[in-house]
Structures are given as C-alpha cells and as structure tokens.
N, C-alpha and C. Protein backbone atom coordinates (compact mmCIF):
# COMPACT_ATOMS: atom_id res chain seq x y z
N MET A 1 -7.10 35.71 -27.57
CA MET A 1 -7.96 34.79 -26.40
C MET A 1 -9.36 35.40 -25.58
N GLU A 2 -9.52 34.37 -25.11
CA GLU A 2 -10.21 35.22 -23.88
C GLU A 2 -10.37 34.86 -22.76
N ILE A 3 -11.07 35.46 -22.01
CA ILE A 3 -10.35 35.57 -20.69
C ILE A 3 -11.39 34.23 -19.84
N SER A 4 -10.43 33.17 -19.39
CA SER A 4 -10.88 31.34 -19.31
C SER A 4 -10.39 31.43 -17.82
N SER A 5 -9.63 31.95 -17.41
CA SER A 5 -8.88 32.26 -15.21
C SER A 5 -9.17 33.62 -15.11
N ILE A 6 -9.65 33.60 -13.87
CA ILE A 6 -9.51 34.83 -13.68
C ILE A 6 -9.17 34.89 -11.90
N CYS A 7 -7.88 35.86 -12.17
CA CYS A 7 -7.49 35.93 -10.36
C CYS A 7 -8.01 36.27 -9.21
N VAL A 8 -8.84 36.26 -8.63
CA VAL A 8 -9.17 37.44 -7.56
C VAL A 8 -8.37 37.20 -6.42
N TYR A 9 -7.78 38.63 -5.68
CA TYR A 9 -7.18 39.09 -4.67
C TYR A 9 -8.48 39.26 -3.58
N CYS A 10 -8.07 38.65 -2.45
CA CYS A 10 -8.77 39.34 -1.41
C CYS A 10 -8.65 38.95 -0.39
N GLY A 11 -8.93 39.65 1.11
CA GLY A 11 -8.86 39.40 2.25
C GLY A 11 -8.74 38.08 2.55
N SER A 12 -8.55 37.25 3.64
CA SER A 12 -8.65 36.37 4.94
C SER A 12 -8.90 36.29 6.24
N SER A 13 -9.42 37.75 6.31
CA SER A 13 -9.88 38.18 7.15
C SER A 13 -11.24 37.46 7.26
N SER A 14 -11.68 36.41 8.72
CA SER A 14 -12.82 35.82 8.70
C SER A 14 -13.83 36.91 9.74
N ARG A 15 -13.42 38.09 9.87
CA ARG A 15 -14.01 39.21 10.53
C ARG A 15 -14.40 40.09 9.88
N ALA A 16 -14.51 40.20 8.26
CA ALA A 16 -14.66 41.33 7.14
C ALA A 16 -16.21 41.34 7.60
N ALA A 17 -16.81 41.82 7.35
CA ALA A 17 -18.25 42.25 7.38
C ALA A 17 -18.84 41.01 6.35
N PRO A 18 -19.46 40.89 6.59
CA PRO A 18 -20.97 39.54 6.79
C PRO A 18 -21.48 40.03 4.26
N ALA A 19 -21.21 41.68 4.20
CA ALA A 19 -21.52 41.65 3.06
C ALA A 19 -19.97 41.56 2.00
N PHE A 20 -19.17 41.64 2.65
CA PHE A 20 -18.14 41.04 1.65
C PHE A 20 -17.79 39.92 1.83
N LEU A 21 -18.03 38.73 2.88
CA LEU A 21 -18.19 37.76 2.40
C LEU A 21 -19.28 37.22 1.40
N GLU A 22 -20.07 37.14 1.32
CA GLU A 22 -21.24 37.03 0.73
C GLU A 22 -20.61 37.74 -0.74
N ALA A 23 -20.45 38.28 -1.28
CA ALA A 23 -20.12 39.12 -2.49
C ALA A 23 -18.79 38.41 -3.17
N ALA A 24 -17.85 37.90 -1.98
CA ALA A 24 -17.35 36.99 -2.45
C ALA A 24 -17.53 35.83 -2.74
N GLU A 25 -18.83 35.00 -2.30
CA GLU A 25 -19.04 34.34 -2.73
C GLU A 25 -19.59 33.51 -3.93
N HIS A 26 -20.47 35.22 -3.85
CA HIS A 26 -21.24 35.32 -5.48
C HIS A 26 -20.67 35.75 -6.65
N LEU A 27 -19.11 36.10 -6.06
CA LEU A 27 -18.75 36.15 -7.14
C LEU A 27 -17.99 34.75 -7.84
N GLY A 28 -17.37 33.60 -6.93
CA GLY A 28 -16.84 32.52 -6.52
C GLY A 28 -18.34 31.83 -8.41
N ARG A 29 -19.20 31.63 -7.30
CA ARG A 29 -20.75 31.61 -8.22
C ARG A 29 -20.69 31.83 -9.67
N LEU A 30 -20.33 33.81 -9.68
CA LEU A 30 -20.32 33.96 -11.43
C LEU A 30 -19.55 33.74 -12.34
N ILE A 31 -18.44 33.13 -11.29
CA ILE A 31 -17.14 32.60 -12.28
C ILE A 31 -17.40 31.41 -12.39
N ALA A 32 -17.39 30.63 -12.10
CA ALA A 32 -17.67 28.79 -12.16
C ALA A 32 -18.68 29.10 -13.35
N GLU A 33 -20.38 29.89 -12.88
CA GLU A 33 -21.34 29.85 -13.91
C GLU A 33 -20.91 30.18 -15.27
N SER A 34 -20.18 30.84 -15.39
CA SER A 34 -19.82 31.80 -16.94
C SER A 34 -18.52 30.58 -17.22
N GLY A 35 -18.37 29.28 -16.93
CA GLY A 35 -17.49 28.52 -16.99
C GLY A 35 -15.55 28.37 -17.41
N ARG A 36 -15.47 30.02 -16.54
CA ARG A 36 -13.92 30.28 -16.53
C ARG A 36 -13.48 29.75 -15.10
N HIS A 37 -11.79 29.33 -14.98
CA HIS A 37 -11.36 28.94 -13.54
C HIS A 37 -11.16 30.23 -12.48
N LEU A 38 -11.32 29.80 -12.02
CA LEU A 38 -10.34 30.86 -10.04
C LEU A 38 -9.45 30.51 -10.40
N VAL A 39 -8.79 31.47 -9.67
CA VAL A 39 -7.02 31.24 -9.29
C VAL A 39 -7.60 32.64 -8.40
N TYR A 40 -6.80 32.10 -7.19
CA TYR A 40 -6.55 32.75 -5.72
C TYR A 40 -5.67 32.67 -5.33
N GLY A 41 -5.15 32.80 -4.26
CA GLY A 41 -4.62 32.44 -3.00
C GLY A 41 -4.32 31.47 -2.23
N GLY A 42 -5.09 30.41 -2.57
CA GLY A 42 -5.21 29.22 -2.00
C GLY A 42 -5.83 28.82 -0.02
N GLY A 43 -6.24 30.28 0.31
CA GLY A 43 -6.46 30.18 1.26
C GLY A 43 -8.10 29.55 1.46
N ARG A 44 -7.94 29.20 3.10
CA ARG A 44 -9.17 28.99 3.09
C ARG A 44 -10.53 29.74 4.32
N LEU A 45 -9.87 30.96 4.61
CA LEU A 45 -9.70 31.81 5.55
C LEU A 45 -10.84 33.04 5.19
N GLY A 46 -11.84 34.07 5.48
CA GLY A 46 -12.08 34.83 4.95
C GLY A 46 -13.34 35.04 3.52
N LEU A 47 -12.95 36.56 2.93
CA LEU A 47 -13.04 36.38 1.43
C LEU A 47 -12.67 35.12 0.36
N MET A 48 -11.14 35.07 0.86
CA MET A 48 -10.38 33.90 0.23
C MET A 48 -11.38 32.70 0.18
N GLY A 49 -11.61 32.45 1.31
CA GLY A 49 -12.70 30.45 1.27
C GLY A 49 -13.84 30.71 0.87
N ARG A 50 -14.22 32.06 1.08
CA ARG A 50 -15.67 32.08 0.14
C ARG A 50 -15.37 32.37 -0.97
N VAL A 51 -15.00 32.40 -1.77
CA VAL A 51 -14.82 32.93 -3.20
C VAL A 51 -14.57 31.48 -3.89
N ALA A 52 -13.54 30.77 -2.90
CA ALA A 52 -13.27 29.81 -3.45
C ALA A 52 -14.84 28.29 -3.11
N ASP A 53 -15.18 28.78 -2.66
CA ASP A 53 -16.57 28.01 -1.45
C ASP A 53 -17.97 28.30 -3.12
N GLY A 54 -17.66 29.20 -3.25
CA GLY A 54 -19.18 29.70 -4.27
C GLY A 54 -18.52 28.91 -5.57
N ALA A 55 -16.98 29.36 -5.91
CA ALA A 55 -17.21 28.54 -6.92
C ALA A 55 -17.19 26.94 -7.18
N LEU A 56 -16.55 25.97 -6.28
CA LEU A 56 -16.52 24.70 -5.59
C LEU A 56 -17.91 24.53 -5.87
N GLN A 57 -18.47 25.23 -5.29
CA GLN A 57 -20.18 24.82 -4.66
C GLN A 57 -20.97 24.77 -6.74
N GLU A 58 -20.11 25.57 -7.48
CA GLU A 58 -20.74 25.44 -8.98
C GLU A 58 -20.60 24.68 -9.79
N GLY A 59 -19.35 23.51 -9.39
CA GLY A 59 -18.83 22.92 -10.00
C GLY A 59 -17.36 23.62 -10.68
N GLY A 60 -17.26 24.59 -10.54
CA GLY A 60 -16.05 25.71 -11.31
C GLY A 60 -15.01 25.17 -10.59
N THR A 61 -13.74 25.48 -11.64
CA THR A 61 -12.53 24.76 -11.53
C THR A 61 -11.76 25.85 -11.04
N VAL A 62 -10.90 25.52 -9.44
CA VAL A 62 -10.21 26.68 -8.54
C VAL A 62 -9.14 26.42 -8.03
N VAL A 63 -8.14 26.99 -8.90
CA VAL A 63 -6.86 26.81 -8.62
C VAL A 63 -6.36 27.99 -7.36
N GLY A 64 -5.91 27.38 -6.02
CA GLY A 64 -5.35 27.96 -4.95
C GLY A 64 -3.89 27.86 -5.32
N ILE A 65 -3.16 29.12 -5.32
CA ILE A 65 -1.34 29.30 -5.47
C ILE A 65 -0.94 29.12 -3.85
N ILE A 66 -0.18 29.03 -3.28
CA ILE A 66 -0.04 29.13 -1.40
C ILE A 66 1.09 29.18 -1.64
N PRO A 67 1.98 30.49 -0.70
CA PRO A 67 3.54 30.16 -0.18
C PRO A 67 3.86 28.64 0.62
N GLU A 68 4.75 27.82 0.85
CA GLU A 68 5.22 27.04 2.12
C GLU A 68 4.87 27.45 3.13
N HIS A 69 5.34 28.48 3.24
CA HIS A 69 5.03 29.10 4.59
C HIS A 69 4.13 29.33 5.22
N LEU A 70 2.65 29.39 4.69
CA LEU A 70 1.87 28.69 5.04
C LEU A 70 0.68 28.21 5.03
N HIS A 71 1.40 27.29 3.91
CA HIS A 71 1.03 25.87 3.53
C HIS A 71 0.95 25.21 4.67
N LYS A 72 2.46 25.74 5.42
CA LYS A 72 2.72 24.39 6.60
C LYS A 72 2.40 25.02 7.58
N VAL A 73 1.36 26.11 7.91
CA VAL A 73 0.78 26.33 8.90
C VAL A 73 -0.85 25.86 8.97
N GLU A 74 -0.90 24.88 7.55
CA GLU A 74 -2.33 25.07 7.32
C GLU A 74 -3.94 26.04 7.60
N VAL A 75 -3.42 26.85 6.49
CA VAL A 75 -4.43 27.57 6.16
C VAL A 75 -4.64 27.61 5.24
N GLN A 76 -4.37 26.46 4.23
CA GLN A 76 -5.04 26.40 2.80
C GLN A 76 -6.18 25.82 3.15
N HIS A 77 -6.92 25.31 1.87
CA HIS A 77 -8.16 25.54 1.45
C HIS A 77 -8.17 24.10 0.97
N ASP A 78 -8.32 22.98 1.77
CA ASP A 78 -8.35 21.44 0.84
C ASP A 78 -9.40 21.06 -0.16
N GLY A 79 -10.25 21.92 -0.60
CA GLY A 79 -10.81 21.17 -1.58
C GLY A 79 -10.50 21.91 -2.87
N LEU A 80 -9.54 21.82 -2.84
CA LEU A 80 -9.58 23.15 -4.79
C LEU A 80 -9.04 21.80 -5.60
N THR A 81 -9.63 22.26 -6.51
CA THR A 81 -9.46 21.18 -7.40
C THR A 81 -7.87 20.80 -7.74
N GLU A 82 -7.18 22.26 -7.79
CA GLU A 82 -5.54 22.53 -7.63
C GLU A 82 -4.87 22.70 -6.63
N LEU A 83 -3.83 23.03 -6.17
CA LEU A 83 -3.39 23.71 -5.05
C LEU A 83 -1.54 23.23 -5.16
N LEU A 84 -1.51 24.30 -6.15
CA LEU A 84 0.31 24.76 -5.85
C LEU A 84 0.79 25.82 -4.60
N VAL A 85 1.79 24.13 -4.54
CA VAL A 85 2.88 25.04 -3.02
C VAL A 85 3.88 25.93 -3.88
N VAL A 86 3.89 27.28 -3.60
CA VAL A 86 5.59 27.92 -4.52
C VAL A 86 6.30 27.77 -3.25
N ASP A 87 7.63 28.77 -3.59
CA ASP A 87 8.34 29.08 -2.61
C ASP A 87 8.35 30.09 -1.32
N SER A 88 7.76 30.81 -2.46
CA SER A 88 7.75 32.52 -1.29
C SER A 88 6.66 32.97 -2.15
N MET A 89 6.41 34.20 -1.19
CA MET A 89 5.40 35.28 -1.84
C MET A 89 5.39 36.31 -3.04
N HIS A 90 6.75 36.17 -3.87
CA HIS A 90 6.92 36.77 -4.66
C HIS A 90 7.12 35.60 -5.53
N SER A 91 7.05 34.36 -5.02
CA SER A 91 6.56 33.24 -6.72
C SER A 91 5.74 33.22 -6.70
N ARG A 92 4.76 33.43 -5.86
CA ARG A 92 2.89 33.04 -5.28
C ARG A 92 2.36 34.27 -6.86
N LYS A 93 2.39 35.51 -6.32
CA LYS A 93 2.12 36.66 -6.71
C LYS A 93 2.74 36.39 -8.70
N ALA A 94 3.82 36.21 -8.64
CA ALA A 94 4.68 36.00 -10.10
C ALA A 94 3.96 34.85 -11.18
N GLU A 95 3.51 33.69 -10.56
CA GLU A 95 2.27 32.34 -10.29
C GLU A 95 1.01 32.79 -10.87
N MET A 96 0.57 33.54 -9.88
CA MET A 96 -0.78 34.42 -10.36
C MET A 96 -1.03 34.89 -11.65
N VAL A 97 -0.07 35.95 -11.63
CA VAL A 97 0.08 36.48 -12.81
C VAL A 97 0.13 35.69 -14.12
N ARG A 98 1.19 34.52 -13.93
CA ARG A 98 1.20 33.79 -15.40
C ARG A 98 0.13 33.24 -15.46
N VAL A 99 -0.81 32.71 -14.53
CA VAL A 99 -1.83 31.42 -14.98
C VAL A 99 -3.42 31.96 -15.24
N SER A 100 -3.05 33.20 -15.21
CA SER A 100 -4.78 33.87 -14.92
C SER A 100 -4.57 35.37 -16.51
N ASP A 101 -5.70 35.34 -16.83
CA ASP A 101 -5.92 36.26 -17.50
C ASP A 101 -6.83 38.11 -17.63
N GLY A 102 -7.21 37.96 -16.30
CA GLY A 102 -7.37 38.99 -16.21
C GLY A 102 -7.40 38.69 -14.37
N PHE A 103 -8.18 40.23 -13.50
CA PHE A 103 -7.76 40.31 -12.64
C PHE A 103 -9.01 41.23 -11.65
N CYS A 104 -9.63 40.72 -10.93
CA CYS A 104 -10.57 41.51 -10.12
C CYS A 104 -10.41 41.27 -8.22
N VAL A 105 -10.31 42.60 -7.91
CA VAL A 105 -9.62 43.12 -6.97
C VAL A 105 -11.43 43.17 -5.71
N LEU A 106 -10.96 41.97 -4.79
CA LEU A 106 -11.84 42.23 -3.49
C LEU A 106 -11.80 42.80 -2.61
N PRO A 107 -12.54 43.60 -1.30
CA PRO A 107 -11.75 44.23 -0.66
C PRO A 107 -11.08 42.96 0.90
N GLY A 108 -10.08 44.00 1.12
CA GLY A 108 -8.96 43.04 1.81
C GLY A 108 -7.59 44.15 2.46
N GLY A 109 -6.60 43.12 3.20
CA GLY A 109 -5.93 44.03 3.78
C GLY A 109 -4.72 44.65 3.43
N ILE A 110 -3.62 44.65 3.60
CA ILE A 110 -2.21 44.98 3.53
C ILE A 110 -1.42 44.11 2.52
N GLY A 111 -2.20 42.52 2.47
CA GLY A 111 -1.75 41.42 1.41
C GLY A 111 -2.26 42.19 -0.27
N THR A 112 -3.43 42.08 0.40
CA THR A 112 -4.99 42.59 -0.87
C THR A 112 -3.98 43.92 -2.24
N LEU A 113 -3.97 44.85 -0.91
CA LEU A 113 -3.41 46.19 -1.40
C LEU A 113 -1.69 45.98 -1.87
N ASP A 114 -1.17 44.96 -1.80
CA ASP A 114 0.19 44.67 -2.38
C ASP A 114 0.19 44.34 -3.75
N GLU A 115 -0.73 43.11 -3.62
CA GLU A 115 -1.82 42.71 -4.50
C GLU A 115 -1.82 43.24 -6.03
N LEU A 116 -2.48 44.32 -5.34
CA LEU A 116 -3.27 45.27 -6.47
C LEU A 116 -2.57 46.54 -6.71
N ILE A 117 -1.21 47.44 -6.02
CA ILE A 117 -0.58 48.42 -6.70
C ILE A 117 0.73 47.21 -7.47
N GLU A 118 1.21 45.82 -7.29
CA GLU A 118 1.87 45.66 -7.81
C GLU A 118 1.83 45.40 -9.18
N ILE A 119 0.30 44.51 -9.31
CA ILE A 119 -0.27 44.37 -10.91
C ILE A 119 -0.15 45.63 -11.07
N LEU A 120 -0.85 47.09 -10.73
CA LEU A 120 -0.93 48.22 -11.55
C LEU A 120 -0.18 48.20 -11.73
N SER A 121 1.34 48.42 -10.89
CA SER A 121 2.78 48.86 -11.66
C SER A 121 3.45 47.88 -12.17
N TRP A 122 2.74 46.36 -12.87
CA TRP A 122 3.50 45.76 -13.60
C TRP A 122 2.67 46.68 -14.98
N ARG A 123 1.54 47.08 -14.48
CA ARG A 123 0.97 46.93 -16.41
C ARG A 123 1.62 48.64 -16.42
N GLN A 124 1.32 49.53 -15.34
CA GLN A 124 2.31 50.73 -16.36
C GLN A 124 3.30 50.37 -17.15
N LEU A 125 4.25 49.78 -16.78
CA LEU A 125 5.17 49.29 -17.17
C LEU A 125 5.20 48.20 -18.11
N GLY A 126 4.12 48.13 -18.35
CA GLY A 126 3.96 47.65 -19.48
C GLY A 126 4.33 45.31 -19.66
N LEU A 127 4.06 44.95 -18.85
CA LEU A 127 4.66 43.47 -18.33
C LEU A 127 3.61 42.63 -18.77
N HIS A 128 2.31 43.53 -18.22
CA HIS A 128 0.75 42.87 -19.18
C HIS A 128 0.09 43.73 -19.30
N GLY A 129 -0.99 42.97 -20.26
CA GLY A 129 -2.06 43.80 -20.64
C GLY A 129 -3.18 42.89 -20.33
N LYS A 130 -3.28 42.57 -19.21
CA LYS A 130 -4.28 41.82 -19.09
C LYS A 130 -5.35 42.73 -18.09
N PRO A 131 -6.66 42.81 -18.34
CA PRO A 131 -7.26 43.75 -17.20
C PRO A 131 -8.14 43.39 -15.51
N ILE A 132 -8.34 44.46 -14.98
CA ILE A 132 -8.05 45.02 -13.59
C ILE A 132 -9.25 45.33 -13.17
N VAL A 133 -9.78 44.94 -12.48
CA VAL A 133 -11.71 45.08 -12.22
C VAL A 133 -11.32 45.06 -10.40
N VAL A 134 -11.47 46.50 -10.44
CA VAL A 134 -11.76 46.74 -8.51
C VAL A 134 -12.97 46.26 -8.33
N VAL A 135 -13.42 46.29 -7.50
CA VAL A 135 -14.90 45.86 -6.58
C VAL A 135 -15.09 46.51 -5.27
N ASP A 136 -15.71 48.23 -5.76
CA ASP A 136 -15.29 49.05 -4.81
C ASP A 136 -16.37 48.98 -3.61
N LEU A 137 -16.87 47.86 -3.39
CA LEU A 137 -18.28 47.89 -2.52
C LEU A 137 -18.28 48.71 -1.25
N ASP A 138 -19.52 48.90 -0.91
CA ASP A 138 -19.66 49.77 0.31
C ASP A 138 -18.87 51.10 0.38
N GLY A 139 -17.69 51.25 -0.67
CA GLY A 139 -16.95 52.61 -1.07
C GLY A 139 -15.41 52.13 -0.02
N TYR A 140 -15.70 50.68 -0.47
CA TYR A 140 -14.02 50.35 0.53
C TYR A 140 -12.85 50.46 0.08
N PHE A 141 -12.91 50.84 -1.72
CA PHE A 141 -11.57 51.73 -2.30
C PHE A 141 -11.41 52.94 -2.39
N THR A 142 -12.41 53.74 -2.38
CA THR A 142 -12.66 54.93 -2.52
C THR A 142 -11.73 55.38 -2.23
N PRO A 143 -10.69 55.56 -1.15
CA PRO A 143 -9.63 56.53 -0.67
C PRO A 143 -8.31 55.75 -1.16
N LEU A 144 -8.59 54.89 -1.29
CA LEU A 144 -7.61 54.34 -2.62
C LEU A 144 -7.90 55.31 -3.83
N ARG A 145 -8.66 55.24 -4.86
CA ARG A 145 -9.02 55.47 -5.70
C ARG A 145 -8.85 56.80 -5.75
N GLN A 146 -8.74 57.83 -4.33
CA GLN A 146 -8.50 59.11 -4.63
C GLN A 146 -7.17 59.49 -4.76
N LEU A 147 -6.47 58.25 -3.72
CA LEU A 147 -4.44 58.38 -3.81
C LEU A 147 -4.34 58.35 -5.38
N LEU A 148 -4.88 57.12 -5.82
CA LEU A 148 -4.41 56.95 -7.05
C LEU A 148 -4.13 58.26 -7.88
N GLU A 149 -5.69 58.94 -8.35
CA GLU A 149 -5.59 59.82 -8.54
C GLU A 149 -5.08 61.10 -8.54
N HIS A 150 -4.95 61.26 -7.22
CA HIS A 150 -3.74 61.90 -6.28
C HIS A 150 -2.38 61.83 -6.88
N VAL A 151 -1.80 60.60 -7.03
CA VAL A 151 -0.86 60.60 -7.89
C VAL A 151 -0.32 60.85 -9.27
N VAL A 152 -1.78 61.15 -9.77
CA VAL A 152 -1.25 61.48 -11.20
C VAL A 152 -1.16 62.51 -11.30
N THR A 153 -2.44 63.77 -10.30
CA THR A 153 -2.43 65.34 -10.29
C THR A 153 -1.34 65.31 -10.16
N GLU A 154 -0.20 64.99 -9.68
CA GLU A 154 1.07 65.36 -8.88
C GLU A 154 2.00 65.25 -9.90
N ASN A 155 1.56 64.68 -10.91
CA ASN A 155 2.47 64.07 -12.05
C ASN A 155 3.63 62.77 -11.44
N PHE A 156 3.24 61.68 -10.61
CA PHE A 156 3.96 60.74 -10.27
C PHE A 156 3.10 59.49 -11.35
N ALA A 157 2.49 59.63 -11.39
CA ALA A 157 1.75 58.92 -13.14
C ALA A 157 1.31 59.85 -14.39
N HIS A 158 1.36 58.92 -15.08
CA HIS A 158 0.80 59.19 -16.02
C HIS A 158 -0.86 59.41 -16.42
N GLU A 159 -1.76 60.07 -16.81
CA GLU A 159 -2.52 60.33 -16.62
C GLU A 159 -3.44 58.53 -17.42
N ALA A 160 -2.62 58.46 -18.12
CA ALA A 160 -2.79 56.87 -18.47
C ALA A 160 -3.10 55.51 -17.33
N LEU A 161 -2.84 56.37 -16.11
CA LEU A 161 -3.48 55.24 -14.88
C LEU A 161 -4.49 54.86 -15.25
N ARG A 162 -4.84 55.98 -15.11
CA ARG A 162 -6.03 56.23 -14.80
C ARG A 162 -6.80 54.85 -15.97
N GLY A 163 -6.57 54.70 -16.45
CA GLY A 163 -7.28 53.86 -17.51
C GLY A 163 -7.41 52.36 -17.03
N TYR A 164 -5.63 51.78 -16.33
CA TYR A 164 -5.70 50.80 -15.87
C TYR A 164 -6.63 49.83 -15.40
N VAL A 165 -7.78 50.34 -14.58
CA VAL A 165 -8.46 49.68 -13.78
C VAL A 165 -9.92 50.45 -14.38
N GLU A 166 -10.68 48.93 -14.22
CA GLU A 166 -11.93 49.22 -14.07
C GLU A 166 -12.71 49.12 -13.04
N TRP A 167 -12.83 50.27 -12.67
CA TRP A 167 -13.85 50.62 -11.01
C TRP A 167 -15.58 50.01 -11.42
N VAL A 168 -15.87 48.97 -10.34
CA VAL A 168 -17.21 48.43 -10.24
C VAL A 168 -17.77 48.67 -8.38
N THR A 169 -19.27 48.81 -8.41
CA THR A 169 -19.19 48.53 -7.19
C THR A 169 -20.28 47.51 -6.63
N SER A 170 -20.13 46.43 -7.45
CA SER A 170 -21.20 45.31 -6.92
C SER A 170 -20.44 44.01 -8.16
N VAL A 171 -20.59 42.77 -7.28
CA VAL A 171 -19.52 41.73 -7.83
C VAL A 171 -20.65 40.92 -9.47
N ASP A 172 -21.49 41.28 -9.81
CA ASP A 172 -22.44 41.11 -10.68
C ASP A 172 -22.00 42.21 -11.52
N GLU A 173 -21.07 42.92 -11.85
CA GLU A 173 -20.39 43.37 -13.26
C GLU A 173 -19.40 43.30 -13.44
N VAL A 174 -18.77 42.50 -12.34
CA VAL A 174 -17.45 41.85 -13.03
C VAL A 174 -17.03 41.63 -14.31
N LEU A 175 -17.62 40.87 -14.51
CA LEU A 175 -17.62 39.69 -15.48
C LEU A 175 -17.61 40.20 -16.92
N PRO A 176 -18.65 41.16 -16.73
CA PRO A 176 -19.08 43.17 -18.05
C PRO A 176 -17.99 43.21 -18.47
N ALA A 177 -17.31 43.59 -17.01
CA ALA A 177 -16.06 45.00 -17.44
C ALA A 177 -15.04 43.94 -17.74
N LEU A 178 -14.79 42.89 -17.19
CA LEU A 178 -12.96 42.16 -17.66
C LEU A 178 -13.37 42.19 -18.95
N ASP A 179 -14.71 41.36 -19.09
CA ASP A 179 -14.88 41.52 -21.43
C ASP A 179 -14.87 42.60 -22.23
N ARG A 180 -15.17 43.71 -21.07
CA ARG A 180 -14.94 45.25 -22.05
C ARG A 180 -13.35 45.76 -22.19
N ALA A 181 -12.52 45.45 -20.61
CA ALA A 181 -11.62 45.78 -20.46
C ALA A 181 -10.50 45.18 -21.55
N HIS A 182 -10.98 43.82 -21.89
CA HIS A 182 -9.94 42.36 -22.65
C HIS A 182 -10.58 42.84 -23.76
N SER A 183 -12.08 43.29 -24.57
CA SER A 183 -12.21 43.47 -26.23
C SER A 183 -11.53 45.10 -26.57
N ALA A 184 -10.97 45.69 -25.51
CA ALA A 184 -10.47 47.40 -25.73
C ALA A 184 -8.87 46.46 -26.00
N GLY A 185 -8.48 45.85 -25.64
CA GLY A 185 -7.57 44.99 -26.07
C GLY A 185 -6.16 46.68 -25.10
N ILE A 186 -5.26 45.94 -24.81
CA ILE A 186 -4.45 46.85 -24.41
C ILE A 186 -2.60 45.84 -24.90
N GLU A 187 -1.96 47.23 -26.04
CA GLU A 187 -0.75 47.35 -26.15
C GLU A 187 0.47 47.02 -25.14
N VAL A 188 1.01 45.79 -25.03
CA VAL A 188 2.40 45.22 -23.81
C VAL A 188 3.25 45.59 -24.40
N ARG A 189 4.57 46.06 -24.16
CA ARG A 189 5.66 46.47 -24.57
C ARG A 189 6.88 45.60 -23.69
N LEU A 190 6.68 44.69 -23.50
CA LEU A 190 7.80 43.39 -22.95
C LEU A 190 6.87 42.50 -22.88
N ASP A 191 7.39 41.20 -23.13
CA ASP A 191 6.56 40.27 -23.54
C ASP A 191 7.01 38.78 -22.00
N LYS A 192 7.76 39.30 -21.31
CA LYS A 192 7.32 38.46 -20.49
C LYS A 192 7.67 39.29 -18.82
N ILE A 193 7.28 38.88 -17.96
CA ILE A 193 7.53 39.45 -16.15
C ILE A 193 8.95 38.88 -15.80
C-alpha cells in the first residue's frame, strides 16, 4: 500500500516565526502536488491553517478532524474538502491515525508534542507501523531529540526507538523520507489501536 494520506501535526499559534508558517504552507503545497491527501487537526490558525491553505491552493484534498468543543468556538477552517467533527481530543487523535498512511510533525506547542509522543508510543507498542517524519526546522526539535536519546541511554526505551522517526531539517525532505520509511516496512504486532 502506498502513502496516499499524510497526517500533519503542527501548531495553531499565529505568533509562530514567519519561517515556520511559510514552511507549513510549502509542505501543504508539496503534499497536494504529489497527489496525496492532507489530514490535519481542522484549524484555521497558525501552522495548521497555513498547511491546509497551501494544499488547497494547489487543488489538494484536505481532511480536517476537529473535536466538538473547538468546533463550537469556531476555530475550524471553513474551506476544507472535508471536516469531521468528533466528540473528544482522544477521538480526534485516533481518527487521524486511522485515516492516515504516514505522519509529519512540524513545530508546535504542547498539543503537537502530545501527538508526537503518542504516535511514537503507539509505534513502540506495535499498534501501527506507519512512518513518522519530524521536521527539525531551525533546530526546533533538537532538545526533544536529545531527550529521546536520553530515554534510550537510560534504558527506559529500547534502542529501536531511534529508528521509529526520520528526522529532517526541511519540508522538501518530508515526502522522500516518508517514502523511504514506508519502503523499508515495519512489522506490526497488533492489528488495531
């Protein structure tokens, strides 16, 4: 099975550095130009809004998944191909995993970190075998990468953790990295989340 849908986890802050916002929009365009679908959190603000805008500008398919409590306060993007409203943050994350073939992580806040750590945890538990690419723009994720290495060296995770993520430094590297990781194949022990 090819990677036809890519889930992008990223921040919703409009105060993010312009370089981060531009990178998100560029990634959205790249995903659309490649004929793949973008799956993301459904918001219109910050990197979230810009990645969706980039894909939509290129005629791409964009699926947003947003919990009801955020939908009620109107932070959703109104121009998406499809907007799924779910009952909770937990449901949102599970649905994003279900409908995506691979994951890309751009800079973001606590919610983005939560999504990355959860998808890594699920990978470690064998709940999915989908590739994960983290874009370390301007060294944003370097401290997290060091922490994950510390977790391994302190024997709280197997050294296999190092191979669960492809680390890149630009959005131009994302699709090739996802394809490489997908081609390598990952054994999955369990059949569902």
